[in-house]
Amino acid sequence: MSNFGVIKRDGSRAEFEIQRIINAIKKAASAVNISDEFYCHQIGQEVGNEIFTPSSRRD
């Protein structure tokens, strides 16, 4: 998506990967017996859009 980075729990830095968000949503959905991958992907994309919307960034 972009060269947006994240700081991990151990202090290391990594490039933001929307697929990691989508995978986490799939795991959470699976835990409550939801198996609609399209729905999970759509939610992940919405999260990514919120992160990359200029008004949602913290300065």
Protein backbone atom coordinates (compact mmCIF):
# COMPACT_ATOMS: atom_id res chain seq x y z
CA MET A 1 0.00 0.00 0.00
CA SER A 2 2.68 2.49 1.01
CA ASN A 3 6.02 2.81 2.75
CA PHE A 4 4.21 3.19 6.05
CA GLY A 5 6.04 1.54 8.93
CA VAL A 6 5.06 0.04 12.25
CA ILE A 7 6.95 -0.36 15.50
CA LYS A 8 6.63 -3.89 16.83
CA ARG A 9 6.35 -4.87 20.50
CA ASP A 10 10.06 -5.69 20.66
CA GLY A 11 10.93 -2.20 19.37
CA SER A 12 11.92 -3.30 15.89
CA ARG A 13 10.47 -1.60 12.83
CA ALA A 14 8.69 -3.27 9.93
CA GLU A 15 6.80 -2.21 6.83
CA PHE A 16 3.02 -2.11 7.23
CA GLU A 17 1.37 -5.12 5.57
CA ILE A 18 -2.41 -5.06 5.14
CA GLN A 19 -2.37 -8.85 4.69
CA ARG A 20 -1.30 -9.23 8.33
CA ILE A 21 -4.38 -7.26 9.40
CA ILE A 22 -6.60 -9.39 7.17
CA ASN A 23 -5.08 -12.60 8.58
CA ALA A 24 -5.76 -11.41 12.14
CA ILE A 25 -9.38 -10.63 11.22
CA LYS A 26 -9.74 -14.11 9.67
CA LYS A 27 -8.43 -15.73 12.87
CA ALA A 28 -10.79 -13.67 15.03
CA ALA A 29 -13.73 -14.48 12.75
CA SER A 30 -12.85 -18.17 12.80
CA ALA A 31 -12.89 -18.13 16.60
CA VAL A 32 -16.57 -17.14 16.45
CA ASN A 33 -17.43 -19.51 13.57
CA ILE A 34 -17.43 -16.94 10.76
CA SER A 35 -15.75 -18.29 7.63
CA ASP A 36 -16.59 -15.66 5.00
CA GLU A 37 -13.16 -14.74 3.57
CA PHE A 38 -14.55 -11.97 1.37
CA TYR A 39 -16.11 -10.32 4.43
CA CYS A 40 -12.82 -10.54 6.34
CA HIS A 41 -10.89 -9.13 3.40
CA GLN A 42 -13.38 -6.27 3.06
CA ILE A 43 -13.04 -5.37 6.75
CA GLY A 44 -9.25 -5.51 6.45
CA GLN A 45 -9.34 -3.12 3.50
CA GLU A 46 -11.56 -0.73 5.48
CA VAL A 47 -9.05 -0.80 8.35
CA GLY A 48 -6.23 -0.08 5.90
CA ASN A 49 -8.17 2.80 4.38
CA GLU A 50 -8.73 4.31 7.83
CA ILE A 51 -5.04 4.04 8.64
CA PHE A 52 -4.02 5.75 5.42
CA THR A 53 -6.65 8.50 5.50
CA PRO A 54 -4.78 11.72 6.39
CA SER A 55 -7.37 12.77 8.99
CA SER A 56 -6.83 9.53 10.95
CA ARG A 57 -3.07 9.96 11.38
CA ARG A 58 -1.65 11.19 14.66
CA ASP A 59 1.09 13.81 14.52
